Every structure is written in structure tokens, then in C-alpha cells.
Amino acid sequence: MITSVMTGFFYRPMMFYMNIFMYDDIRVYLQEKIAKLPNRGRGEVGKIAKHIGVHSTYMSLVMNGSRHLSQEQAFDLADYLQLTEMETDYFCLLVQWDRAGTQNLKKHLKQKLSKLREDSLNLSKRLKHDKKLSDQEKAVFYSSWIYSAVRLFASTNDKGVSLEALQENFDIPRKKLIEVLEFLVSSGLLILEKNLYRLGTQQTFLEKGSPFLSKHHANWRIKALQQSENISEDELMFTSPFSISEKDFLLLREELAEWLKKFSGIVRDSPAEEVACLNIDFFRVQK
């Protein structure tokens, strides 16, 4: 976690990650979040009150349900909690729902909350990606793992890599390798300068429901099975069927989604030295 400077002369605490989309009540969310801070968050209510411009007594009344936050106060509190844009929207909607005076309005806001919760499960809305391939380009790029692998290998040298270096690293015919490189250059995924290939677009992404998604998953899982016979000590493969409650299944799914967001950021900023692959499967076993 990163400690950030807050408006005023004190610091924001390092916030323990809690998935706000799992909550229907802002008070329960705040109480549990504060309780996970050092010393169970002693003095935290006062810091929150100062940040959003209210008296600590008023904030205590908000916490016990006797008072409500305004939308302005909710937005400032979301900033204090270091929530993302989507999390802030959800938090502010929870406040609106809490203040709503009629069942019709509560129902309307509940639908909006459900939609945001559903959107939060969609990784394409959480992860940043640079390149949107056309359907024709996707059909080629996701037809084999070699397109991704060649593209990523080209990123391991800032100046680019030669055809000879690619041939040495990948055991594929020269003709096929040239076809792969020509496609990657034509689609902007690689750049060719002075007979060296270097990375063009940083990331690509397939949205949920894409007809190319199952092929993409299959390509790299087959590659993982091939690699499993020669896995080294510093690599990791893990398979674990288990039984679990529905609530904990959803909780773990959300924590994985948040971890993947962090994973994507680390990978984006990491110096390219070698090519690796991460496969994650988390699903209900059904007939």
C-alpha cells in the first residue's frame, strides 16, 4: 500500500483493501474498514470528520445511523478512502440509497448499484489496455500462442530483436516466423526499424463474451501443459479443486480481480527481461 499526503498537515493511513462492491450498507463498510486499521482505527473517525469538514460528533452520529452524509461529504470521504472512480460512484450511490425517502427511489438506486456491481466484475473496465484489434486481426493474433510470444520477446531489448535472435529462441520454421512478424508489424503490435523488431502497442485485451476468448485461453493452457514436464524451481503451477460457500466464492473472485488489476500495473511498469505466462482458472465445477 502507498501512503499519500492528505489535505492539511497530517497523513492518510495505509488503507487495508476491502471490496466495497460486496457491501450494501456504507456504515458496515466504514466500520469494518476502520476496524482493520492499526489500533482498530482509534481516532480515525475524527480524521475523517476533519477531512470532510464536519464535527467529529456529527461523524459519530453518521456512523451509528442517526445522521446521513451529503453527496459532497460522501465524495470527499471517498477521496479520503482512496477509492477508484468506479468505487467512488458506488460509494456515492450507497449514500443516495441510504438517504432516499421513498421505496420507488430506493428501488431505482438499487438497480443502479446492481449494475455497478456487475460492471465491477468485468475486468475490461478495471484494466487499462492500449490496442483494440479488429475482428480480422483478432482471428489471426489469437489463433496461436506464438503471436503473443514473439511480440513479447521483442520487448526484452529496448533496441529491438533481430530475426536471427527470434529464430534462436523459438523452434518454428523461418517461413512461419516471418509470417508472424509481418502480421505483428502490419497490425502495429511490433515496429520494424533497421532490421530490428521492437514492441509497438503495450497491451491488448479480449472482453468477456468475445468469440476469440476460448481460443486464447486454450492456446496458453496447452502451452502450460507442455511446459509442466520441465517446470523449474522458481516457476509455479497449482491446481486445487475444493468445496466452498457461495459467499466466499464471490469474495475470492473479487479479491482475484483486484489482484489482477495490481498485477497488470506491475507488469506494465516492469523492465522486459523475459517472457512469462500466468493462467488462472476459478470456476464452479458443474455437470
C-alpha atoms as a PDB file:
ATOM      1  CA  MET A   1       0.000   0.000   0.000  1.00  0.00           C
ATOM      2  CA  ILE A   2       1.121   3.599  -0.634  1.00  0.00           C
ATOM      3  CA  THR A   3       0.817   6.319   1.978  1.00  0.00           C
ATOM      4  CA  SER A   4      -0.309   9.575   0.351  1.00  0.00           C
ATOM      5  CA  VAL A   5      -0.258  13.138   1.669  1.00  0.00           C
ATOM      6  CA  MET A   6      -3.680  14.393   2.662  1.00  0.00           C
ATOM      7  CA  THR A   7      -5.061  17.942   2.559  1.00  0.00           C
ATOM      8  CA  GLY A   8      -3.883  19.601   5.788  1.00  0.00           C
ATOM      9  CA  PHE A   9      -0.949  18.701   7.980  1.00  0.00           C
ATOM     10  CA  PHE A  10      -1.432  15.007   8.570  1.00  0.00           C
ATOM     11  CA  TYR A  11      -1.244  11.832   6.538  1.00  0.00           C
ATOM     12  CA  ARG A  12      -3.788   9.394   5.265  1.00  0.00           C
ATOM     13  CA  PRO A  13      -3.460   5.950   6.839  1.00  0.00           C
ATOM     14  CA  MET A  14      -2.448   2.991   4.711  1.00  0.00           C
ATOM     15  CA  MET A  15      -5.884   1.679   3.787  1.00  0.00           C
ATOM     16  CA  PHE A  16      -6.490  -2.071   4.026  1.00  0.00           C
ATOM     17  CA  TYR A  17      -8.153  -3.187   0.784  1.00  0.00           C
ATOM     18  CA  MET A  18     -11.807  -4.123   1.183  1.00  0.00           C
ATOM     19  CA  ASN A  19     -14.060  -4.686  -1.790  1.00  0.00           C
ATOM     20  CA  ILE A  20     -16.799  -2.065  -1.460  1.00  0.00           C
ATOM     21  CA  PHE A  21     -18.900  -3.787  -4.129  1.00  0.00           C
ATOM     22  CA  MET A  22     -19.607  -6.561  -1.618  1.00  0.00           C
ATOM     23  CA  TYR A  23     -21.408  -4.104   0.691  1.00  0.00           C
ATOM     24  CA  ASP A  24     -24.998  -2.813   0.731  1.00  0.00           C
ATOM     25  CA  ASP A  25     -24.541  -0.515   3.743  1.00  0.00           C
ATOM     26  CA  ILE A  26     -21.948   2.256   3.941  1.00  0.00           C
ATOM     27  CA  ARG A  27     -21.875   2.088   7.732  1.00  0.00           C
ATOM     28  CA  VAL A  28     -20.970  -1.590   7.807  1.00  0.00           C
ATOM     29  CA  TYR A  29     -18.315  -0.933   5.179  1.00  0.00           C
ATOM     30  CA  LEU A  30     -16.827   2.001   7.117  1.00  0.00           C
ATOM     31  CA  GLN A  31     -16.976   0.226  10.459  1.00  0.00           C
ATOM     32  CA  GLU A  32     -15.220  -2.883   9.148  1.00  0.00           C
ATOM     33  CA  LYS A  33     -12.649  -0.865   7.208  1.00  0.00           C
ATOM     34  CA  ILE A  34     -11.772   1.267  10.234  1.00  0.00           C
ATOM     35  CA  ALA A  35     -11.627  -1.809  12.487  1.00  0.00           C
ATOM     36  CA  LYS A  36      -8.851  -3.287  10.311  1.00  0.00           C
ATOM     37  CA  LEU A  37      -6.581  -0.258  10.793  1.00  0.00           C
ATOM     38  CA  PRO A  38      -3.816  -0.276  13.445  1.00  0.00           C
ATOM     39  CA  ASN A  39      -5.241   0.026  16.983  1.00  0.00           C
ATOM     40  CA  ARG A  40      -8.615  -0.783  15.417  1.00  0.00           C
ATOM     41  CA  GLY A  41      -8.699   2.673  13.867  1.00  0.00           C
ATOM     42  CA  ARG A  42      -8.620   4.662  17.073  1.00  0.00           C
ATOM     43  CA  GLY A  43      -9.038   8.362  16.237  1.00  0.00           C
ATOM     44  CA  GLU A  44      -9.914   7.600  12.611  1.00  0.00           C
ATOM     45  CA  VAL A  45     -13.458   8.982  12.838  1.00  0.00           C
ATOM     46  CA  GLY A  46     -12.015  12.328  13.910  1.00  0.00           C
ATOM     47  CA  LYS A  47      -9.610  12.363  10.953  1.00  0.00           C
ATOM     48  CA  ILE A  48     -12.450  11.557   8.558  1.00  0.00           C
ATOM     49  CA  ALA A  49     -14.583  14.329  10.070  1.00  0.00           C
ATOM     50  CA  LYS A  50     -11.774  16.861   9.623  1.00  0.00           C
ATOM     51  CA  HIS A  51     -11.246  15.826   6.009  1.00  0.00           C
ATOM     52  CA  ILE A  52     -14.906  16.163   5.015  1.00  0.00           C
ATOM     53  CA  GLY A  53     -15.446  19.345   7.029  1.00  0.00           C
ATOM     54  CA  VAL A  54     -17.780  18.217   9.816  1.00  0.00           C
ATOM     55  CA  HIS A  55     -17.537  17.937  13.600  1.00  0.00           C
ATOM     56  CA  SER A  56     -16.367  14.563  14.924  1.00  0.00           C
ATOM     57  CA  THR A  57     -19.620  14.258  16.896  1.00  0.00           C
ATOM     58  CA  TYR A  58     -21.611  14.551  13.673  1.00  0.00           C
ATOM     59  CA  MET A  59     -19.457  11.884  12.014  1.00  0.00           C
ATOM     60  CA  SER A  60     -20.065   9.596  15.003  1.00  0.00           C
ATOM     61  CA  LEU A  61     -23.812  10.101  14.523  1.00  0.00           C
ATOM     62  CA  VAL A  62     -23.397   9.173  10.859  1.00  0.00           C
ATOM     63  CA  MET A  63     -21.582   6.003  11.879  1.00  0.00           C
ATOM     64  CA  ASN A  64     -24.369   4.925  14.246  1.00  0.00           C
ATOM     65  CA  GLY A  65     -27.140   5.732  11.768  1.00  0.00           C
ATOM     66  CA  SER A  66     -28.571   8.876  13.362  1.00  0.00           C
ATOM     67  CA  ARG A  67     -27.402  11.205  10.571  1.00  0.00           C
ATOM     68  CA  HIS A  68     -26.698  11.000   6.843  1.00  0.00           C
ATOM     69  CA  LEU A  69     -23.822  12.185   4.674  1.00  0.00           C
ATOM     70  CA  SER A  70     -24.463  14.743   1.943  1.00  0.00           C
ATOM     71  CA  GLN A  71     -23.295  13.926  -1.576  1.00  0.00           C
ATOM     72  CA  GLU A  72     -20.457  16.429  -1.210  1.00  0.00           C
ATOM     73  CA  GLN A  73     -19.349  14.827   2.047  1.00  0.00           C
ATOM     74  CA  ALA A  74     -19.616  11.354   0.508  1.00  0.00           C
ATOM     75  CA  PHE A  75     -17.404  12.387  -2.408  1.00  0.00           C
ATOM     76  CA  ASP A  76     -14.781  13.870  -0.068  1.00  0.00           C
ATOM     77  CA  LEU A  77     -14.889  10.735   2.088  1.00  0.00           C
ATOM     78  CA  ALA A  78     -14.362   8.546  -0.983  1.00  0.00           C
ATOM     79  CA  ASP A  79     -11.274  10.650  -1.746  1.00  0.00           C
ATOM     80  CA  TYR A  80     -10.019  10.111   1.814  1.00  0.00           C
ATOM     81  CA  LEU A  81     -10.544   6.368   1.453  1.00  0.00           C
ATOM     82  CA  GLN A  82      -8.543   6.432  -1.802  1.00  0.00           C
ATOM     83  CA  LEU A  83     -11.350   4.791  -3.781  1.00  0.00           C
ATOM     84  CA  THR A  84     -11.128   4.401  -7.538  1.00  0.00           C
ATOM     85  CA  GLU A  85     -13.546   6.225  -9.851  1.00  0.00           C
ATOM     86  CA  MET A  86     -15.871   3.214 -10.100  1.00  0.00           C
ATOM     87  CA  GLU A  87     -15.679   2.604  -6.343  1.00  0.00           C
ATOM     88  CA  THR A  88     -16.449   6.283  -5.711  1.00  0.00           C
ATOM     89  CA  ASP A  89     -19.545   6.075  -7.924  1.00  0.00           C
ATOM     90  CA  TYR A  90     -20.723   3.040  -5.970  1.00  0.00           C
ATOM     91  CA  PHE A  91     -19.993   4.660  -2.602  1.00  0.00           C
ATOM     92  CA  CYS A  92     -21.908   7.836  -3.513  1.00  0.00           C
ATOM     93  CA  LEU A  93     -24.840   5.757  -4.794  1.00  0.00           C
ATOM     94  CA  LEU A  94     -24.912   3.902  -1.479  1.00  0.00           C
ATOM     95  CA  VAL A  95     -25.204   7.258   0.277  1.00  0.00           C
ATOM     96  CA  GLN A  96     -28.051   8.294  -2.052  1.00  0.00           C
ATOM     97  CA  TRP A  97     -29.812   4.982  -1.371  1.00  0.00           C
ATOM     98  CA  ASP A  98     -29.340   5.481   2.379  1.00  0.00           C
ATOM     99  CA  ARG A  99     -30.930   8.956   2.194  1.00  0.00           C
ATOM    100  CA  ALA A 100     -33.768   8.015  -0.171  1.00  0.00           C
ATOM    101  CA  GLY A 101     -37.195   8.760   1.301  1.00  0.00           C
ATOM    102  CA  THR A 102     -39.414   6.556  -0.870  1.00  0.00           C
ATOM    103  CA  GLN A 103     -39.371   2.877  -1.815  1.00  0.00           C
ATOM    104  CA  ASN A 104     -39.586   3.735  -5.517  1.00  0.00           C
ATOM    105  CA  LEU A 105     -36.403   5.804  -5.317  1.00  0.00           C
ATOM    106  CA  LYS A 106     -34.666   3.131  -3.261  1.00  0.00           C
ATOM    107  CA  LYS A 107     -35.618   0.535  -5.882  1.00  0.00           C
ATOM    108  CA  HIS A 108     -34.297   2.757  -8.677  1.00  0.00           C
ATOM    109  CA  LEU A 109     -30.993   3.335  -6.872  1.00  0.00           C
ATOM    110  CA  LYS A 110     -30.722  -0.365  -6.007  1.00  0.00           C
ATOM    111  CA  GLN A 111     -30.847  -1.183  -9.726  1.00  0.00           C
ATOM    112  CA  LYS A 112     -28.029   1.283 -10.368  1.00  0.00           C
ATOM    113  CA  LEU A 113     -25.994  -0.275  -7.556  1.00  0.00           C
ATOM    114  CA  SER A 114     -26.541  -3.748  -9.013  1.00  0.00           C
ATOM    115  CA  LYS A 115     -25.391  -2.532 -12.437  1.00  0.00           C
ATOM    116  CA  LEU A 116     -22.217  -1.024 -10.964  1.00  0.00           C
ATOM    117  CA  ARG A 117     -21.546  -4.203  -9.006  1.00  0.00           C
ATOM    118  CA  GLU A 118     -21.942  -6.190 -12.221  1.00  0.00           C
ATOM    119  CA  ASP A 119     -19.608  -3.809 -14.067  1.00  0.00           C
ATOM    120  CA  SER A 120     -17.022  -4.221 -11.297  1.00  0.00           C
ATOM    121  CA  LEU A 121     -16.807  -7.914 -12.187  1.00  0.00           C
ATOM    122  CA  ASN A 122     -15.839  -7.051 -15.755  1.00  0.00           C
ATOM    123  CA  LEU A 123     -12.038  -6.900 -15.853  1.00  0.00           C
ATOM    124  CA  SER A 124     -12.078  -4.852 -19.061  1.00  0.00           C
ATOM    125  CA  LYS A 125     -13.450  -1.951 -17.007  1.00  0.00           C
ATOM    126  CA  ARG A 126     -10.655  -2.302 -14.425  1.00  0.00           C
ATOM    127  CA  LEU A 127      -7.577  -2.997 -16.526  1.00  0.00           C
ATOM    128  CA  LYS A 128      -6.052  -0.467 -18.854  1.00  0.00           C
ATOM    129  CA  HIS A 129      -5.317  -1.662 -22.370  1.00  0.00           C
ATOM    130  CA  ASP A 130      -3.897   0.166 -25.358  1.00  0.00           C
ATOM    131  CA  LYS A 131      -4.835  -1.722 -28.505  1.00  0.00           C
ATOM    132  CA  LYS A 132      -8.234  -2.818 -29.764  1.00  0.00           C
ATOM    133  CA  LEU A 133      -7.701  -5.227 -32.631  1.00  0.00           C
ATOM    134  CA  SER A 134     -10.202  -5.607 -35.449  1.00  0.00           C
ATOM    135  CA  ASP A 135     -12.055  -8.915 -35.654  1.00  0.00           C
ATOM    136  CA  GLN A 136      -9.888  -9.917 -38.598  1.00  0.00           C
ATOM    137  CA  GLU A 137      -6.716  -9.124 -36.631  1.00  0.00           C
ATOM    138  CA  LYS A 138      -8.045 -10.993 -33.576  1.00  0.00           C
ATOM    139  CA  ALA A 139      -8.717 -14.084 -35.674  1.00  0.00           C
ATOM    140  CA  VAL A 140      -5.031 -14.206 -36.611  1.00  0.00           C
ATOM    141  CA  PHE A 141      -3.464 -12.992 -33.363  1.00  0.00           C
ATOM    142  CA  TYR A 142      -5.384 -15.423 -31.147  1.00  0.00           C
ATOM    143  CA  SER A 143      -5.016 -18.394 -33.484  1.00  0.00           C
ATOM    144  CA  SER A 144      -1.746 -19.458 -31.799  1.00  0.00           C
ATOM    145  CA  TRP A 145       0.308 -18.653 -28.718  1.00  0.00           C
ATOM    146  CA  ILE A 146       3.303 -17.876 -30.937  1.00  0.00           C
ATOM    147  CA  TYR A 147       1.964 -14.434 -31.947  1.00  0.00           C
ATOM    148  CA  SER A 148       1.886 -13.233 -28.333  1.00  0.00           C
ATOM    149  CA  ALA A 149       5.177 -14.919 -27.506  1.00  0.00           C
ATOM    150  CA  VAL A 150       7.082 -13.396 -30.442  1.00  0.00           C
ATOM    151  CA  ARG A 151       5.636  -9.970 -29.737  1.00  0.00           C
ATOM    152  CA  LEU A 152       6.583 -10.129 -26.068  1.00  0.00           C
ATOM    153  CA  PHE A 153      10.078 -11.450 -26.779  1.00  0.00           C
ATOM    154  CA  ALA A 154      10.671  -8.365 -28.929  1.00  0.00           C
ATOM    155  CA  SER A 155      10.114  -6.260 -25.795  1.00  0.00           C
ATOM    156  CA  THR A 156      13.061  -7.834 -23.953  1.00  0.00           C
ATOM    157  CA  ASN A 157      15.522  -5.497 -25.686  1.00  0.00           C
ATOM    158  CA  ASP A 158      14.880  -1.746 -25.842  1.00  0.00           C
ATOM    159  CA  LYS A 159      16.595  -1.501 -29.213  1.00  0.00           C
ATOM    160  CA  GLY A 160      14.642  -4.445 -30.600  1.00  0.00           C
ATOM    161  CA  VAL A 161      15.492  -8.015 -31.548  1.00  0.00           C
ATOM    162  CA  SER A 162      16.634  -9.479 -34.859  1.00  0.00           C
ATOM    163  CA  LEU A 163      15.045 -12.220 -36.915  1.00  0.00           C
ATOM    164  CA  GLU A 164      18.030 -14.405 -36.057  1.00  0.00           C
ATOM    165  CA  ALA A 165      17.508 -13.898 -32.311  1.00  0.00           C
ATOM    166  CA  LEU A 166      13.848 -14.823 -32.666  1.00  0.00           C
ATOM    167  CA  GLN A 167      14.758 -17.939 -34.629  1.00  0.00           C
ATOM    168  CA  GLU A 168      17.200 -18.969 -31.935  1.00  0.00           C
ATOM    169  CA  ASN A 169      14.616 -18.537 -29.174  1.00  0.00           C
ATOM    170  CA  PHE A 170      11.611 -20.147 -30.897  1.00  0.00           C
ATOM    171  CA  ASP A 171      11.722 -23.543 -32.554  1.00  0.00           C
ATOM    172  CA  ILE A 172       9.491 -22.707 -35.521  1.00  0.00           C
ATOM    173  CA  PRO A 173      10.212 -22.664 -39.281  1.00  0.00           C
ATOM    174  CA  ARG A 174      11.704 -19.440 -40.647  1.00  0.00           C
ATOM    175  CA  LYS A 175       8.836 -19.022 -43.129  1.00  0.00           C
ATOM    176  CA  LYS A 176       6.230 -19.198 -40.355  1.00  0.00           C
ATOM    177  CA  LEU A 177       8.218 -16.806 -38.177  1.00  0.00           C
ATOM    178  CA  ILE A 178       8.368 -14.243 -40.993  1.00  0.00           C
ATOM    179  CA  GLU A 179       4.588 -14.552 -41.494  1.00  0.00           C
ATOM    180  CA  VAL A 180       4.052 -13.921 -37.782  1.00  0.00           C
ATOM    181  CA  LEU A 181       6.359 -10.886 -37.814  1.00  0.00           C
ATOM    182  CA  GLU A 182       4.735  -9.406 -40.929  1.00  0.00           C
ATOM    183  CA  PHE A 183       1.324  -9.623 -39.266  1.00  0.00           C
ATOM    184  CA  LEU A 184       2.536  -8.111 -35.987  1.00  0.00           C
ATOM    185  CA  VAL A 185       4.141  -5.183 -37.832  1.00  0.00           C
ATOM    186  CA  SER A 186       1.119  -4.570 -40.087  1.00  0.00           C
ATOM    187  CA  SER A 187      -1.228  -4.500 -37.074  1.00  0.00           C
ATOM    188  CA  GLY A 188       1.005  -2.118 -35.089  1.00  0.00           C
ATOM    189  CA  LEU A 189       1.854  -4.642 -32.403  1.00  0.00           C
ATOM    190  CA  LEU A 190       5.517  -4.565 -33.436  1.00  0.00           C
ATOM    191  CA  ILE A 191       7.649  -1.858 -35.060  1.00  0.00           C
ATOM    192  CA  LEU A 192      10.390  -2.733 -37.564  1.00  0.00           C
ATOM    193  CA  GLU A 193      13.372  -0.367 -37.739  1.00  0.00           C
ATOM    194  CA  LYS A 194      16.819  -1.160 -39.132  1.00  0.00           C
ATOM    195  CA  ASN A 195      16.051  -4.891 -39.270  1.00  0.00           C
ATOM    196  CA  LEU A 196      15.159  -4.944 -35.576  1.00  0.00           C
ATOM    197  CA  TYR A 197      11.703  -5.670 -34.155  1.00  0.00           C
ATOM    198  CA  ARG A 198      10.556  -3.802 -31.074  1.00  0.00           C
ATOM    199  CA  LEU A 199       7.287  -3.547 -29.169  1.00  0.00           C
ATOM    200  CA  GLY A 200       4.598  -1.271 -30.562  1.00  0.00           C
ATOM    201  CA  THR A 201       1.320  -1.253 -28.617  1.00  0.00           C
ATOM    202  CA  GLN A 202       1.844  -2.184 -24.969  1.00  0.00           C
ATOM    203  CA  GLN A 203      -1.260  -4.250 -24.201  1.00  0.00           C
ATOM    204  CA  THR A 204      -4.208  -5.944 -25.862  1.00  0.00           C
ATOM    205  CA  PHE A 205      -7.394  -7.178 -24.212  1.00  0.00           C
ATOM    206  CA  LEU A 206     -10.265  -9.532 -25.028  1.00  0.00           C
ATOM    207  CA  GLU A 207     -13.567  -8.598 -23.442  1.00  0.00           C
ATOM    208  CA  LYS A 208     -15.862 -11.154 -21.806  1.00  0.00           C
ATOM    209  CA  GLY A 209     -18.028 -12.809 -24.448  1.00  0.00           C
ATOM    210  CA  SER A 210     -15.514 -12.456 -27.264  1.00  0.00           C
ATOM    211  CA  PRO A 211     -15.618 -15.428 -29.673  1.00  0.00           C
ATOM    212  CA  PHE A 212     -11.804 -15.450 -29.584  1.00  0.00           C
ATOM    213  CA  LEU A 213     -11.557 -15.766 -25.798  1.00  0.00           C
ATOM    214  CA  SER A 214     -11.814 -19.554 -25.546  1.00  0.00           C
ATOM    215  CA  LYS A 215      -9.129 -19.958 -28.221  1.00  0.00           C
ATOM    216  CA  HIS A 216      -6.818 -17.568 -26.374  1.00  0.00           C
ATOM    217  CA  HIS A 217      -7.287 -19.476 -23.099  1.00  0.00           C
ATOM    218  CA  ALA A 218      -6.798 -22.828 -24.812  1.00  0.00           C
ATOM    219  CA  ASN A 219      -3.580 -21.746 -26.568  1.00  0.00           C
ATOM    220  CA  TRP A 220      -1.813 -20.846 -23.333  1.00  0.00           C
ATOM    221  CA  ARG A 221      -3.193 -23.710 -21.274  1.00  0.00           C
ATOM    222  CA  ILE A 222      -1.918 -26.170 -23.863  1.00  0.00           C
ATOM    223  CA  LYS A 223       1.441 -24.399 -23.682  1.00  0.00           C
ATOM    224  CA  ALA A 224       1.354 -24.699 -19.875  1.00  0.00           C
ATOM    225  CA  LEU A 225       0.722 -28.449 -20.113  1.00  0.00           C
ATOM    226  CA  GLN A 226       3.673 -28.799 -22.477  1.00  0.00           C
ATOM    227  CA  GLN A 227       5.846 -26.800 -20.070  1.00  0.00           C
ATOM    228  CA  SER A 228       4.716 -28.721 -16.963  1.00  0.00           C
ATOM    229  CA  GLU A 229       7.122 -31.581 -17.685  1.00  0.00           C
ATOM    230  CA  ASN A 230      10.089 -29.221 -17.396  1.00  0.00           C
ATOM    231  CA  ILE A 231       8.978 -26.749 -14.736  1.00  0.00           C
ATOM    232  CA  SER A 232      11.848 -25.202 -12.763  1.00  0.00           C
ATOM    233  CA  GLU A 233      12.113 -24.466  -9.035  1.00  0.00           C
ATOM    234  CA  ASP A 234      11.340 -20.759  -9.469  1.00  0.00           C
ATOM    235  CA  GLU A 235       8.208 -21.371 -11.563  1.00  0.00           C
ATOM    236  CA  LEU A 236       4.786 -22.233 -10.147  1.00  0.00           C
ATOM    237  CA  MET A 237       1.881 -24.427 -11.233  1.00  0.00           C
ATOM    238  CA  PHE A 238      -1.058 -25.001  -8.909  1.00  0.00           C
ATOM    239  CA  THR A 239      -4.306 -26.955  -9.272  1.00  0.00           C
ATOM    240  CA  SER A 240      -6.718 -27.298  -6.340  1.00  0.00           C
ATOM    241  CA  PRO A 241     -10.341 -28.453  -6.554  1.00  0.00           C
ATOM    242  CA  PHE A 242     -12.193 -27.553  -3.338  1.00  0.00           C
ATOM    243  CA  SER A 243     -15.616 -27.009  -1.777  1.00  0.00           C
ATOM    244  CA  ILE A 244     -16.565 -23.505  -0.639  1.00  0.00           C
ATOM    245  CA  SER A 245     -19.573 -21.372   0.327  1.00  0.00           C
ATOM    246  CA  GLU A 246     -21.236 -19.174  -2.290  1.00  0.00           C
ATOM    247  CA  LYS A 247     -20.379 -16.041  -0.272  1.00  0.00           C
ATOM    248  CA  ASP A 248     -16.687 -16.933  -0.040  1.00  0.00           C
ATOM    249  CA  PHE A 249     -16.595 -17.900  -3.724  1.00  0.00           C
ATOM    250  CA  LEU A 250     -17.738 -14.385  -4.662  1.00  0.00           C
ATOM    251  CA  LEU A 251     -15.345 -12.829  -2.140  1.00  0.00           C
ATOM    252  CA  LEU A 252     -12.337 -14.702  -3.541  1.00  0.00           C
ATOM    253  CA  ARG A 253     -13.397 -13.879  -7.092  1.00  0.00           C
ATOM    254  CA  GLU A 254     -13.381 -10.175  -6.266  1.00  0.00           C
ATOM    255  CA  GLU A 255     -10.037 -10.352  -4.493  1.00  0.00           C
ATOM    256  CA  LEU A 256      -8.557 -12.102  -7.534  1.00  0.00           C
ATOM    257  CA  ALA A 257      -9.973  -9.391  -9.806  1.00  0.00           C
ATOM    258  CA  GLU A 258      -8.410  -6.672  -7.651  1.00  0.00           C
ATOM    259  CA  TRP A 259      -5.103  -8.564  -7.535  1.00  0.00           C
ATOM    260  CA  LEU A 260      -5.142  -8.833 -11.346  1.00  0.00           C
ATOM    261  CA  LYS A 261      -5.505  -5.064 -11.530  1.00  0.00           C
ATOM    262  CA  LYS A 262      -2.350  -4.705  -9.406  1.00  0.00           C
ATOM    263  CA  PHE A 263      -0.656  -7.484 -11.388  1.00  0.00           C
ATOM    264  CA  SER A 264      -1.374  -5.624 -14.632  1.00  0.00           C
ATOM    265  CA  GLY A 265       0.190  -2.441 -13.243  1.00  0.00           C
ATOM    266  CA  ILE A 266       3.342  -4.250 -12.094  1.00  0.00           C
ATOM    267  CA  VAL A 267       3.731  -5.953 -15.465  1.00  0.00           C
ATOM    268  CA  ARG A 268       3.180  -2.689 -17.333  1.00  0.00           C
ATOM    269  CA  ASP A 269       5.948  -0.928 -15.383  1.00  0.00           C
ATOM    270  CA  SER A 270       8.366  -3.865 -15.165  1.00  0.00           C
ATOM    271  CA  PRO A 271      11.509  -3.827 -17.350  1.00  0.00           C
ATOM    272  CA  ALA A 272      11.109  -6.519 -20.028  1.00  0.00           C
ATOM    273  CA  GLU A 273      13.777  -9.180 -19.466  1.00  0.00           C
ATOM    274  CA  GLU A 274      11.987 -12.444 -20.222  1.00  0.00           C
ATOM    275  CA  VAL A 275       8.621 -13.757 -21.418  1.00  0.00           C
ATOM    276  CA  ALA A 276       6.288 -15.421 -18.901  1.00  0.00           C
ATOM    277  CA  CYS A 277       2.666 -16.525 -18.749  1.00  0.00           C
ATOM    278  CA  LEU A 278       0.022 -16.512 -15.999  1.00  0.00           C
ATOM    279  CA  ASN A 279      -3.056 -18.762 -16.315  1.00  0.00           C
ATOM    280  CA  ILE A 280      -5.807 -18.510 -13.692  1.00  0.00           C
ATOM    281  CA  ASP A 281      -8.942 -20.661 -13.711  1.00  0.00           C
ATOM    282  CA  PHE A 282     -11.525 -20.100 -10.962  1.00  0.00           C
ATOM    283  CA  PHE A 283     -14.865 -21.717 -11.756  1.00  0.00           C
ATOM    284  CA  ARG A 284     -17.767 -23.708 -10.388  1.00  0.00           C
ATOM    285  CA  VAL A 285     -17.467 -27.416 -11.211  1.00  0.00           C
ATOM    286  CA  GLN A 286     -20.762 -28.402 -12.834  1.00  0.00           C
ATOM    287  CA  LYS A 287     -22.035 -31.298 -14.940  1.00  0.00           C
END
